[in-house]
PDB file of N, CA and C in Angstrom:
ATOM      1  N   MET A   1     127.799 103.329  89.631  1.00  0.00           N
ATOM      2  CA  MET A   1     128.228 102.035  89.168  1.00  0.00           C
ATOM      3  C   MET A   1     127.005 101.267  88.665  1.00  0.00           C
ATOM      4  N   GLU A   2     127.129 100.669  87.488  1.00  0.00           N
ATOM      5  CA  GLU A   2     126.002  99.962  86.876  1.00  0.00           C
ATOM      6  C   GLU A   2     126.054  98.482  87.264  1.00  0.00           C
ATOM      7  N   GLU A   3     124.902  97.952  87.681  1.00  0.00           N
ATOM      8  CA  GLU A   3     124.830  96.537  88.030  1.00  0.00           C
ATOM      9  C   GLU A   3     124.487  95.732  86.783  1.00  0.00           C
ATOM     10  N   LYS A   4     125.136  94.575  86.644  1.00  0.00           N
ATOM     11  CA  LYS A   4     124.836  93.700  85.513  1.00  0.00           C
ATOM     12  C   LYS A   4     123.676  92.792  85.871  1.00  0.00           C
ATOM     13  N   ASN A   5     122.853  92.513  84.895  1.00  0.00           N
ATOM     14  CA  ASN A   5     121.724  91.617  85.090  1.00  0.00           C
ATOM     15  C   ASN A   5     122.232  90.176  85.013  1.00  0.00           C
ATOM     16  N   ASN A   6     122.141  89.431  86.098  1.00  0.00           N
ATOM     17  CA  ASN A   6     122.623  88.055  86.148  1.00  0.00           C
ATOM     18  C   ASN A   6     121.539  87.029  85.845  1.00  0.00           C
ATOM     19  N   SER A   7     120.389  87.465  85.343  1.00  0.00           N
ATOM     20  CA  SER A   7     119.291  86.538  85.082  1.00  0.00           C
ATOM     21  C   SER A   7     119.595  85.606  83.910  1.00  0.00           C
ATOM     22  N   ASN A   8     120.588  85.910  83.083  1.00  0.00           N
ATOM     23  CA  ASN A   8     120.924  85.066  81.942  1.00  0.00           C
ATOM     24  C   ASN A   8     122.022  84.057  82.258  1.00  0.00           C
ATOM     25  N   GLN A   9     122.498  84.013  83.497  1.00  0.00           N
ATOM     26  CA  GLN A   9     123.554  83.081  83.864  1.00  0.00           C
ATOM     27  C   GLN A   9     122.975  81.717  84.185  1.00  0.00           C
ATOM     28  N   ILE A  10     123.758  80.679  83.866  1.00  0.00           N
ATOM     29  CA  ILE A  10     123.364  79.301  84.159  1.00  0.00           C
ATOM     30  C   ILE A  10     124.393  78.717  85.112  1.00  0.00           C
ATOM     31  N   ASN A  11     123.923  78.064  86.142  1.00  0.00           N
ATOM     32  CA  ASN A  11     124.804  77.368  87.060  1.00  0.00           C
ATOM     33  C   ASN A  11     125.015  75.964  86.500  1.00  0.00           C
ATOM     34  N   ILE A  12     126.237  75.654  86.059  1.00  0.00           N
ATOM     35  CA  ILE A  12     126.535  74.368  85.428  1.00  0.00           C
ATOM     36  C   ILE A  12     127.251  73.470  86.419  1.00  0.00           C
ATOM     37  N   GLU A  13     126.725  72.264  86.593  1.00  0.00           N
ATOM     38  CA  GLU A  13     127.328  71.289  87.498  1.00  0.00           C
ATOM     39  C   GLU A  13     128.133  70.276  86.692  1.00  0.00           C
ATOM     40  N   LEU A  14     129.337  69.962  87.168  1.00  0.00           N
ATOM     41  CA  LEU A  14     130.214  69.001  86.494  1.00  0.00           C
ATOM     42  C   LEU A  14     130.569  67.909  87.498  1.00  0.00           C
ATOM     43  N   SER A  15     130.023  66.707  87.278  1.00  0.00           N
ATOM     44  CA  SER A  15     130.300  65.601  88.199  1.00  0.00           C
ATOM     45  C   SER A  15     131.742  65.130  88.013  1.00  0.00           C
ATOM     46  N   GLU A  16     132.275  64.443  89.019  1.00  0.00           N
ATOM     47  CA  GLU A  16     133.646  63.942  88.934  1.00  0.00           C
ATOM     48  C   GLU A  16     133.809  62.975  87.761  1.00  0.00           C
ATOM     49  N   GLU A  17     132.818  62.134  87.549  1.00  0.00           N
ATOM     50  CA  GLU A  17     132.880  61.145  86.467  1.00  0.00           C
ATOM     51  C   GLU A  17     132.978  61.833  85.104  1.00  0.00           C
ATOM     52  N   VAL A  18     132.158  62.834  84.888  1.00  0.00           N
ATOM     53  CA  VAL A  18     132.173  63.547  83.612  1.00  0.00           C
ATOM     54  C   VAL A  18     133.433  64.402  83.495  1.00  0.00           C
ATOM     55  N   ALA A  19     133.902  64.960  84.615  1.00  0.00           N
ATOM     56  CA  ALA A  19     135.090  65.810  84.606  1.00  0.00           C
ATOM     57  C   ALA A  19     136.337  65.043  84.169  1.00  0.00           C
ATOM     58  N   ASP A  20     136.364  63.722  84.379  1.00  0.00           N
ATOM     59  CA  ASP A  20     137.496  62.908  83.949  1.00  0.00           C
ATOM     60  C   ASP A  20     137.636  62.893  82.432  1.00  0.00           C
ATOM     61  N   GLY A  21     136.547  63.086  81.733  1.00  0.00           N
ATOM     62  CA  GLY A  21     136.583  63.124  80.272  1.00  0.00           C
ATOM     63  C   GLY A  21     136.685  61.738  79.649  1.00  0.00           C
ATOM     64  N   ILE A  22     136.502  61.710  78.347  1.00  0.00           N
ATOM     65  CA  ILE A  22     136.608  60.479  77.566  1.00  0.00           C
ATOM     66  C   ILE A  22     137.498  60.786  76.384  1.00  0.00           C
ATOM     67  N   TYR A  23     138.522  59.968  76.173  1.00  0.00           N
ATOM     68  CA  TYR A  23     139.422  60.170  75.044  1.00  0.00           C
ATOM     69  C   TYR A  23     138.773  59.654  73.764  1.00  0.00           C
ATOM     70  N   SER A  24     138.895  60.436  72.716  1.00  0.00           N
ATOM     71  CA  SER A  24     138.370  60.044  71.405  1.00  0.00           C
ATOM     72  C   SER A  24     139.346  60.502  70.338  1.00  0.00           C
ATOM     73  N   ASN A  25     139.620  59.623  69.369  1.00  0.00           N
ATOM     74  CA  ASN A  25     140.464  60.007  68.248  1.00  0.00           C
ATOM     75  C   ASN A  25     139.733  59.863  66.909  1.00  0.00           C
ATOM     76  N   LEU A  26     138.418  59.726  66.995  1.00  0.00           N
ATOM     77  CA  LEU A  26     137.587  59.659  65.793  1.00  0.00           C
ATOM     78  C   LEU A  26     136.182  60.122  66.145  1.00  0.00           C
ATOM     79  N   ALA A  27     135.615  60.971  65.324  1.00  0.00           N
ATOM     80  CA  ALA A  27     134.232  61.388  65.490  1.00  0.00           C
ATOM     81  C   ALA A  27     133.486  61.058  64.205  1.00  0.00           C
ATOM     82  N   VAL A  28     132.373  60.385  64.341  1.00  0.00           N
ATOM     83  CA  VAL A  28     131.525  60.047  63.203  1.00  0.00           C
ATOM     84  C   VAL A  28     130.246  60.863  63.343  1.00  0.00           C
ATOM     85  N   ILE A  29     129.936  61.624  62.306  1.00  0.00           N
ATOM     86  CA  ILE A  29     128.796  62.536  62.356  1.00  0.00           C
ATOM     87  C   ILE A  29     127.744  62.100  61.343  1.00  0.00           C
ATOM     88  N   THR A  30     126.517  61.960  61.821  1.00  0.00           N
ATOM     89  CA  THR A  30     125.380  61.683  60.943  1.00  0.00           C
ATOM     90  C   THR A  30     124.290  62.698  61.267  1.00  0.00           C
ATOM     91  N   HIS A  31     123.326  62.811  60.389  1.00  0.00           N
ATOM     92  CA  HIS A  31     122.250  63.755  60.660  1.00  0.00           C
ATOM     93  C   HIS A  31     120.956  63.330  59.981  1.00  0.00           C
ATOM     94  N   SER A  32     119.867  63.815  60.537  1.00  0.00           N
ATOM     95  CA  SER A  32     118.548  63.680  59.932  1.00  0.00           C
ATOM     96  C   SER A  32     118.048  65.101  59.685  1.00  0.00           C
ATOM     97  N   ASN A  33     116.786  65.247  59.342  1.00  0.00           N
ATOM     98  CA  ASN A  33     116.264  66.597  59.115  1.00  0.00           C
ATOM     99  C   ASN A  33     116.065  67.361  60.418  1.00  0.00           C
ATOM    100  N   SER A  34     116.152  66.670  61.575  1.00  0.00           N
ATOM    101  CA  SER A  34     115.881  67.360  62.831  1.00  0.00           C
ATOM    102  C   SER A  34     117.005  67.288  63.856  1.00  0.00           C
ATOM    103  N   GLU A  35     118.051  66.489  63.595  1.00  0.00           N
ATOM    104  CA  GLU A  35     119.124  66.383  64.582  1.00  0.00           C
ATOM    105  C   GLU A  35     120.441  65.957  63.955  1.00  0.00           C
ATOM    106  N   PHE A  36     121.519  66.314  64.637  1.00  0.00           N
ATOM    107  CA  PHE A  36     122.859  65.849  64.310  1.00  0.00           C
ATOM    108  C   PHE A  36     123.270  64.891  65.414  1.00  0.00           C
ATOM    109  N   VAL A  37     123.923  63.806  65.035  1.00  0.00           N
ATOM    110  CA  VAL A  37     124.422  62.823  65.998  1.00  0.00           C
ATOM    111  C   VAL A  37     125.934  62.748  65.817  1.00  0.00           C
ATOM    112  N   ILE A  38     126.664  62.973  66.915  1.00  0.00           N
ATOM    113  CA  ILE A  38     128.120  62.869  66.880  1.00  0.00           C
ATOM    114  C   ILE A  38     128.519  61.719  67.795  1.00  0.00           C
ATOM    115  N   ASP A  39     129.111  60.680  67.210  1.00  0.00           N
ATOM    116  CA  ASP A  39     129.631  59.553  67.967  1.00  0.00           C
ATOM    117  C   ASP A  39     131.127  59.745  68.128  1.00  0.00           C
ATOM    118  N   PHE A  40     131.587  59.753  69.389  1.00  0.00           N
ATOM    119  CA  PHE A  40     133.003  59.875  69.698  1.00  0.00           C
ATOM    120  C   PHE A  40     133.542  58.472  69.970  1.00  0.00           C
ATOM    121  N   ILE A  41     134.589  58.107  69.218  1.00  0.00           N
ATOM    122  CA  ILE A  41     135.100  56.738  69.204  1.00  0.00           C
ATOM    123  C   ILE A  41     136.580  56.744  69.528  1.00  0.00           C
ATOM    124  N   LYS A  42     137.027  55.680  70.214  1.00  0.00           N
ATOM    125  CA  LYS A  42     138.456  55.500  70.446  1.00  0.00           C
ATOM    126  C   LYS A  42     138.898  54.312  69.606  1.00  0.00           C
ATOM    127  N   VAL A  43     139.760  54.582  68.621  1.00  0.00           N
ATOM    128  CA  VAL A  43     140.304  53.550  67.746  1.00  0.00           C
ATOM    129  C   VAL A  43     141.708  53.229  68.225  1.00  0.00           C
ATOM    130  N   MET A  44     141.987  51.946  68.426  1.00  0.00           N
ATOM    131  CA  MET A  44     143.314  51.521  68.861  1.00  0.00           C
ATOM    132  C   MET A  44     144.032  50.837  67.703  1.00  0.00           C
ATOM    133  N   PRO A  45     145.317  51.133  67.525  1.00  0.00           N
ATOM    134  CA  PRO A  45     146.084  50.506  66.430  1.00  0.00           C
ATOM    135  C   PRO A  45     146.069  48.984  66.544  1.00  0.00           C
ATOM    136  N   GLY A  46     145.846  48.325  65.426  1.00  0.00           N
ATOM    137  CA  GLY A  46     145.869  46.870  65.379  1.00  0.00           C
ATOM    138  C   GLY A  46     144.639  46.190  65.937  1.00  0.00           C
ATOM    139  N   VAL A  47     143.672  46.954  66.401  1.00  0.00           N
ATOM    140  CA  VAL A  47     142.438  46.366  66.939  1.00  0.00           C
ATOM    141  C   VAL A  47     141.325  46.612  65.918  1.00  0.00           C
ATOM    142  N   PRO A  48     140.748  45.530  65.377  1.00  0.00           N
ATOM    143  CA  PRO A  48     139.765  45.706  64.295  1.00  0.00           C
ATOM    144  C   PRO A  48     138.401  46.209  64.767  1.00  0.00           C
ATOM    145  N   LYS A  49     138.198  46.303  66.068  1.00  0.00           N
ATOM    146  CA  LYS A  49     136.910  46.726  66.594  1.00  0.00           C
ATOM    147  C   LYS A  49     137.102  47.980  67.435  1.00  0.00           C
ATOM    148  N   ALA A  50     136.159  48.899  67.349  1.00  0.00           N
ATOM    149  CA  ALA A  50     136.218  50.122  68.145  1.00  0.00           C
ATOM    150  C   ALA A  50     134.840  50.371  68.741  1.00  0.00           C
ATOM    151  N   LYS A  51     134.826  50.992  69.920  1.00  0.00           N
ATOM    152  CA  LYS A  51     133.563  51.266  70.599  1.00  0.00           C
ATOM    153  C   LYS A  51     133.260  52.747  70.595  1.00  0.00           C
ATOM    154  N   VAL A  52     131.985  53.062  70.458  1.00  0.00           N
ATOM    155  CA  VAL A  52     131.541  54.438  70.653  1.00  0.00           C
ATOM    156  C   VAL A  52     131.646  54.710  72.145  1.00  0.00           C
ATOM    157  N   LYS A  53     132.402  55.749  72.513  1.00  0.00           N
ATOM    158  CA  LYS A  53     132.613  56.085  73.916  1.00  0.00           C
ATOM    159  C   LYS A  53     131.589  57.103  74.412  1.00  0.00           C
ATOM    160  N   ALA A  54     131.068  57.917  73.495  1.00  0.00           N
ATOM    161  CA  ALA A  54     130.046  58.902  73.852  1.00  0.00           C
ATOM    162  C   ALA A  54     129.269  59.268  72.592  1.00  0.00           C
ATOM    163  N   ARG A  55     127.995  59.566  72.778  1.00  0.00           N
ATOM    164  CA  ARG A  55     127.133  60.017  71.668  1.00  0.00           C
ATOM    165  C   ARG A  55     126.453  61.301  72.111  1.00  0.00           C
ATOM    166  N   ILE A  56     126.555  62.324  71.267  1.00  0.00           N
ATOM    167  CA  ILE A  56     125.928  63.610  71.540  1.00  0.00           C
ATOM    168  C   ILE A  56     124.907  63.882  70.444  1.00  0.00           C
ATOM    169  N   LEU A  57     123.691  64.242  70.845  1.00  0.00           N
ATOM    170  CA  LEU A  57     122.640  64.602  69.895  1.00  0.00           C
ATOM    171  C   LEU A  57     122.411  66.102  69.992  1.00  0.00           C
ATOM    172  N   LEU A  58     122.370  66.764  68.839  1.00  0.00           N
ATOM    173  CA  LEU A  58     122.214  68.218  68.775  1.00  0.00           C
ATOM    174  C   LEU A  58     121.146  68.598  67.767  1.00  0.00           C
ATOM    175  N   THR A  59     120.463  69.698  68.034  1.00  0.00           N
ATOM    176  CA  THR A  59     119.589  70.263  67.009  1.00  0.00           C
ATOM    177  C   THR A  59     120.491  70.878  65.928  1.00  0.00           C
ATOM    178  N   PRO A  60     119.991  71.076  64.730  1.00  0.00           N
ATOM    179  CA  PRO A  60     120.814  71.719  63.697  1.00  0.00           C
ATOM    180  C   PRO A  60     121.340  73.088  64.146  1.00  0.00           C
ATOM    181  N   GLN A  61     120.540  73.844  64.882  1.00  0.00           N
ATOM    182  CA  GLN A  61     120.977  75.161  65.353  1.00  0.00           C
ATOM    183  C   GLN A  61     122.143  75.029  66.335  1.00  0.00           C
ATOM    184  N   HIS A  62     122.071  74.080  67.253  1.00  0.00           N
ATOM    185  CA  HIS A  62     123.155  73.875  68.209  1.00  0.00           C
ATOM    186  C   HIS A  62     124.395  73.319  67.522  1.00  0.00           C
ATOM    187  N   ALA A  63     124.214  72.486  66.491  1.00  0.00           N
ATOM    188  CA  ALA A  63     125.360  71.966  65.746  1.00  0.00           C
ATOM    189  C   ALA A  63     126.108  73.119  65.076  1.00  0.00           C
ATOM    190  N   LYS A  64     125.369  74.072  64.527  1.00  0.00           N
ATOM    191  CA  LYS A  64     126.014  75.220  63.882  1.00  0.00           C
ATOM    192  C   LYS A  64     126.711  76.099  64.916  1.00  0.00           C
ATOM    193  N   ARG A  65     126.116  76.272  66.093  1.00  0.00           N
ATOM    194  CA  ARG A  65     126.759  77.032  67.164  1.00  0.00           C
ATOM    195  C   ARG A  65     128.044  76.347  67.613  1.00  0.00           C
ATOM    196  N   LEU A  66     128.017  75.007  67.688  1.00  0.00           N
ATOM    197  CA  LEU A  66     129.212  74.254  68.051  1.00  0.00           C
ATOM    198  C   LEU A  66     130.302  74.452  67.011  1.00  0.00           C
ATOM    199  N   LEU A  67     129.952  74.401  65.746  1.00  0.00           N
ATOM    200  CA  LEU A  67     130.909  74.634  64.670  1.00  0.00           C
ATOM    201  C   LEU A  67     131.565  76.010  64.804  1.00  0.00           C
ATOM    202  N   THR A  68     130.765  77.026  65.054  1.00  0.00           N
ATOM    203  CA  THR A  68     131.279  78.389  65.221  1.00  0.00           C
ATOM    204  C   THR A  68     132.191  78.486  66.436  1.00  0.00           C
ATOM    205  N   ALA A  69     131.752  77.945  67.564  1.00  0.00           N
ATOM    206  CA  ALA A  69     132.542  78.007  68.801  1.00  0.00           C
ATOM    207  C   ALA A  69     133.857  77.245  68.651  1.00  0.00           C
ATOM    208  N   LEU A  70     133.820  76.085  68.005  1.00  0.00           N
ATOM    209  CA  LEU A  70     135.034  75.304  67.799  1.00  0.00           C
ATOM    210  C   LEU A  70     135.998  76.047  66.881  1.00  0.00           C
ATOM    211  N   GLY A  71     135.476  76.653  65.822  1.00  0.00           N
ATOM    212  CA  GLY A  71     136.314  77.441  64.920  1.00  0.00           C
ATOM    213  C   GLY A  71     136.980  78.607  65.624  1.00  0.00           C
ATOM    214  N   GLU A  72     136.225  79.323  66.452  1.00  0.00           N
ATOM    215  CA  GLU A  72     136.785  80.453  67.203  1.00  0.00           C
ATOM    216  C   GLU A  72     137.874  79.993  68.164  1.00  0.00           C
ATOM    217  N   ASN A  73     137.645  78.863  68.826  1.00  0.00           N
ATOM    218  CA  ASN A  73     138.626  78.355  69.776  1.00  0.00           C
ATOM    219  C   ASN A  73     139.876  77.825  69.086  1.00  0.00           C
ATOM    220  N   ILE A  74     139.728  77.239  67.913  1.00  0.00           N
ATOM    221  CA  ILE A  74     140.905  76.796  67.159  1.00  0.00           C
ATOM    222  C   ILE A  74     141.730  78.005  66.736  1.00  0.00           C
ATOM    223  N   GLN A  75     141.072  79.079  66.291  1.00  0.00           N
ATOM    224  CA  GLN A  75     141.799  80.305  65.933  1.00  0.00           C
ATOM    225  C   GLN A  75     142.572  80.853  67.119  1.00  0.00           C
ATOM    226  N   LYS A  76     141.955  80.898  68.293  1.00  0.00           N
ATOM    227  CA  LYS A  76     142.627  81.386  69.506  1.00  0.00           C
ATOM    228  C   LYS A  76     143.815  80.491  69.861  1.00  0.00           C
ATOM    229  N   PHE A  77     143.633  79.182  69.783  1.00  0.00           N
ATOM    230  CA  PHE A  77     144.700  78.234  70.084  1.00  0.00           C
ATOM    231  C   PHE A  77     145.882  78.443  69.145  1.00  0.00           C
ATOM    232  N   GLU A  78     145.583  78.535  67.837  1.00  0.00           N
ATOM    233  CA  GLU A  78     146.653  78.690  66.846  1.00  0.00           C
ATOM    234  C   GLU A  78     147.353  80.035  66.971  1.00  0.00           C
ATOM    235  N   ALA A  79     146.663  81.059  67.418  1.00  0.00           N
ATOM    236  CA  ALA A  79     147.291  82.367  67.618  1.00  0.00           C
ATOM    237  C   ALA A  79     148.351  82.282  68.716  1.00  0.00           C
ATOM    238  N   ILE A  80     148.141  81.415  69.683  1.00  0.00           N
ATOM    239  CA  ILE A  80     149.083  81.257  70.793  1.00  0.00           C
ATOM    240  C   ILE A  80     150.134  80.191  70.495  1.00  0.00           C
ATOM    241  N   HIS A  81     149.709  79.052  69.949  1.00  0.00           N
ATOM    242  CA  HIS A  81     150.583  77.880  69.827  1.00  0.00           C
ATOM    243  C   HIS A  81     151.048  77.588  68.406  1.00  0.00           C
ATOM    244  N   GLY A  82     150.588  78.322  67.434  1.00  0.00           N
ATOM    245  CA  GLY A  82     150.942  78.049  66.044  1.00  0.00           C
ATOM    246  C   GLY A  82     149.919  77.148  65.384  1.00  0.00           C
ATOM    247  N   GLN A  83     150.058  77.047  64.076  1.00  0.00           N
ATOM    248  CA  GLN A  83     149.085  76.296  63.286  1.00  0.00           C
ATOM    249  C   GLN A  83     149.088  74.818  63.661  1.00  0.00           C
ATOM    250  N   ILE A  84     147.904  74.250  63.759  1.00  0.00           N
ATOM    251  CA  ILE A  84     147.743  72.820  64.023  1.00  0.00           C
ATOM    252  C   ILE A  84     147.996  72.095  62.706  1.00  0.00           C
ATOM    253  N   LYS A  85     148.945  71.171  62.733  1.00  0.00           N
ATOM    254  CA  LYS A  85     149.266  70.409  61.523  1.00  0.00           C
ATOM    255  C   LYS A  85     148.400  69.163  61.476  1.00  0.00           C
ATOM    256  N   GLN A  86     147.837  68.924  60.308  1.00  0.00           N
ATOM    257  CA  GLN A  86     147.006  67.737  60.129  1.00  0.00           C
ATOM    258  C   GLN A  86     147.876  66.589  59.643  1.00  0.00           C
ATOM    259  N   ALA A  87     147.703  65.418  60.247  1.00  0.00           N
ATOM    260  CA  ALA A  87     148.417  64.229  59.806  1.00  0.00           C
ATOM    261  C   ALA A  87     147.860  63.803  58.458  1.00  0.00           C
ATOM    262  N   GLU A  88     148.767  63.383  57.586  1.00  0.00           N
ATOM    263  CA  GLU A  88     148.336  62.944  56.251  1.00  0.00           C
ATOM    264  C   GLU A  88     148.510  61.448  56.121  1.00  0.00           C
ATOM    265  N   GLY A  89     147.650  60.853  55.332  1.00  0.00           N
ATOM    266  CA  GLY A  89     147.800  59.439  55.012  1.00  0.00           C
ATOM    267  C   GLY A  89     147.407  58.476  56.106  1.00  0.00           C
ATOM    268  N   ILE A  90     146.650  58.919  57.088  1.00  0.00           N
ATOM    269  CA  ILE A  90     146.199  58.003  58.133  1.00  0.00           C
ATOM    270  C   ILE A  90     144.956  57.281  57.631  1.00  0.00           C
ATOM    271  N   ALA A  91     145.038  55.967  57.609  1.00  0.00           N
ATOM    272  CA  ALA A  91     143.906  55.168  57.129  1.00  0.00           C
ATOM    273  C   ALA A  91     143.132  54.641  58.329  1.00  0.00           C
ATOM    274  N   ILE A  92     141.974  55.217  58.556  1.00  0.00           N
ATOM    275  CA  ILE A  92     141.096  54.763  59.628  1.00  0.00           C
ATOM    276  C   ILE A  92     139.830  54.235  58.964  1.00  0.00           C
ATOM    277  N   PRO A  93     139.468  52.982  59.254  1.00  0.00           N
ATOM    278  CA  PRO A  93     138.235  52.470  58.654  1.00  0.00           C
ATOM    279  C   PRO A  93     137.050  53.303  59.120  1.00  0.00           C
ATOM    280  N   MET A  94     136.247  53.753  58.190  1.00  0.00           N
ATOM    281  CA  MET A  94     135.156  54.653  58.523  1.00  0.00           C
ATOM    282  C   MET A  94     133.818  53.941  58.710  1.00  0.00           C
ATOM    283  N   ASN A  95     133.771  52.647  58.529  1.00  0.00           N
ATOM    284  CA  ASN A  95     132.494  51.955  58.707  1.00  0.00           C
ATOM    285  C   ASN A  95     132.647  50.902  59.794  1.00  0.00           C
ATOM    286  N   PHE A  96     132.047  51.137  60.932  1.00  0.00           N
ATOM    287  CA  PHE A  96     132.098  50.212  62.048  1.00  0.00           C
ATOM    288  C   PHE A  96     130.793  49.444  62.152  1.00  0.00           C
ATOM    289  N   GLY A  97     130.178  49.154  61.046  1.00  0.00           N
ATOM    290  CA  GLY A  97     128.933  48.418  61.065  1.00  0.00           C
ATOM    291  C   GLY A  97     127.712  49.310  61.114  1.00  0.00           C
ATOM    292  N   GLY A  98     127.929  50.628  61.194  1.00  0.00           N
ATOM    293  CA  GLY A  98     126.822  51.567  61.242  1.00  0.00           C
ATOM    294  C   GLY A  98     126.619  52.222  59.883  1.00  0.00           C
ATOM    295  N   PRO A  99     125.781  53.232  59.835  1.00  0.00           N
ATOM    296  CA  PRO A  99     125.526  53.913  58.573  1.00  0.00           C
ATOM    297  C   PRO A  99     126.752  54.701  58.130  1.00  0.00           C
ATOM    298  N   ALA A 100     126.880  54.892  56.838  1.00  0.00           N
ATOM    299  CA  ALA A 100     127.983  55.680  56.297  1.00  0.00           C
ATOM    300  C   ALA A 100     127.860  57.101  56.818  1.00  0.00           C
ATOM    301  N   ALA A 101     128.992  57.710  57.170  1.00  0.00           N
ATOM    302  CA  ALA A 101     128.962  59.041  57.774  1.00  0.00           C
ATOM    303  C   ALA A 101     130.207  59.812  57.399  1.00  0.00           C
ATOM    304  N   GLN A 102     130.240  61.067  57.818  1.00  0.00           N
ATOM    305  CA  GLN A 102     131.398  61.909  57.588  1.00  0.00           C
ATOM    306  C   GLN A 102     132.043  62.184  58.930  1.00  0.00           C
ATOM    307  N   ALA A 103     133.372  62.288  58.924  1.00  0.00           N
ATOM    308  CA  ALA A 103     134.079  62.607  60.170  1.00  0.00           C
ATOM    309  C   ALA A 103     134.820  63.899  60.011  1.00  0.00           C
TER     310      ALA A 103
END
């Protein structure tokens, strides 16, 4: 029987506060030459102001890994649950006083 090398495993701790999660229905992505910044925002109908609920900073390499991992997981989800339908015609203001970005 061959033993697997466990030296590449990471023990990840998840606190109760973080495990509760944060709801977001808008992500604003900006980048510089050295990092990607993803702001997760909760927009409420009829409320002209929205708050950034979480900000994640990634290196370009990690941003690309996230893109790949998210794509793979969406494919797996759709294989089980069917194609995810995108809502059309939703008007969400894209400028909350910060720099112009893509979502």
